Amino acid sequence: MNNSQFRSAIGQPFIVASANGDVTGDKIVDQIYLTGTKTADSPFIQNITLHIRDGRTGAVTAFRFIIM
């Protein structure tokens, strides 16, 4: 897993981490990304979204995490 060390503009989504592996079960490597945003008043990453790019079709599926 790669962790992003890039500075992003406050409020703009950026890649937090990425990895490659077969998550769809078709024995073809897929790309997995976690994206999120930072705000000026918090050290935490917010609006976390999991993106999976299917290695066979190229289709991207996104799952947004809602923390209460």
Protein backbone atom coordinates (compact mmCIF):
# COMPACT_ATOMS: atom_id res chain seq x y z
CA MET A 1 0.00 0.00 0.00
CA ASN A 2 1.27 3.45 -0.88
CA ASN A 3 0.60 6.39 1.37
CA SER A 4 0.34 9.78 -0.26
CA GLN A 5 2.69 12.43 1.11
CA PHE A 6 1.56 15.12 -1.32
CA ARG A 7 0.15 18.38 -0.08
CA SER A 8 -3.30 19.07 -1.43
CA ALA A 9 -5.39 22.18 -1.50
CA ILE A 10 -7.63 22.45 1.54
CA GLY A 11 -11.03 20.94 0.73
CA GLN A 12 -9.85 19.23 -2.49
CA PRO A 13 -9.93 15.41 -2.63
CA PHE A 14 -6.56 13.69 -2.83
CA ILE A 15 -5.31 10.09 -2.86
CA VAL A 16 -4.57 9.06 0.72
CA ALA A 17 -3.45 5.49 -0.08
CA SER A 18 -3.43 3.06 -3.00
CA ALA A 19 -2.87 -0.63 -3.61
CA ASN A 20 -3.19 -3.24 -6.36
CA GLY A 21 -4.79 -6.66 -6.02
CA ASP A 22 -7.66 -8.84 -7.14
CA VAL A 23 -10.68 -7.65 -5.16
CA THR A 24 -13.35 -8.65 -7.70
CA GLY A 25 -12.45 -12.35 -7.75
CA ASP A 26 -11.72 -12.60 -11.48
CA LYS A 27 -7.96 -13.23 -11.02
CA ILE A 28 -7.12 -9.91 -12.73
CA VAL A 29 -5.34 -7.20 -10.74
CA ASP A 30 -7.56 -4.26 -9.77
CA GLN A 31 -6.52 -0.81 -8.51
CA ILE A 32 -7.73 0.35 -5.11
CA TYR A 33 -7.60 3.97 -3.90
CA LEU A 34 -8.65 5.77 -0.75
CA THR A 35 -9.36 9.46 -1.28
CA GLY A 36 -10.28 12.14 1.21
CA THR A 37 -10.22 15.85 1.98
CA LYS A 38 -8.61 17.94 4.69
CA THR A 39 -9.97 21.11 6.26
CA ALA A 40 -7.95 23.94 7.69
CA ASP A 41 -9.38 23.47 11.19
CA SER A 42 -8.79 19.69 11.55
CA PRO A 43 -5.75 17.39 11.33
CA PHE A 44 -8.03 14.52 10.24
CA ILE A 45 -8.90 13.36 6.74
CA GLN A 46 -12.61 13.63 6.04
CA ASN A 47 -14.99 12.50 3.28
CA ILE A 48 -13.13 9.20 2.87
CA THR A 49 -14.04 7.31 -0.29
CA LEU A 50 -12.89 3.86 -1.46
CA HIS A 51 -12.45 3.59 -5.25
CA ILE A 52 -11.99 0.27 -7.02
CA ARG A 53 -10.98 0.23 -10.69
CA ASP A 54 -11.79 -3.14 -12.22
CA GLY A 55 -8.71 -4.41 -14.05
CA ARG A 56 -10.79 -6.25 -16.65
CA THR A 57 -13.39 -3.61 -17.54
CA GLY A 58 -11.82 -0.36 -16.33
CA ALA A 59 -15.07 0.48 -14.52
CA VAL A 60 -14.68 2.42 -11.27
CA THR A 61 -16.90 1.76 -8.27
CA ALA A 62 -16.82 4.17 -5.32
CA PHE A 63 -17.96 3.68 -1.73
CA ARG A 64 -18.18 6.72 0.52
CA PHE A 65 -17.67 6.21 4.26
CA ILE A 66 -19.98 8.13 6.51
CA ILE A 67 -18.71 8.50 10.07
CA MET A 68 -21.21 9.54 12.69
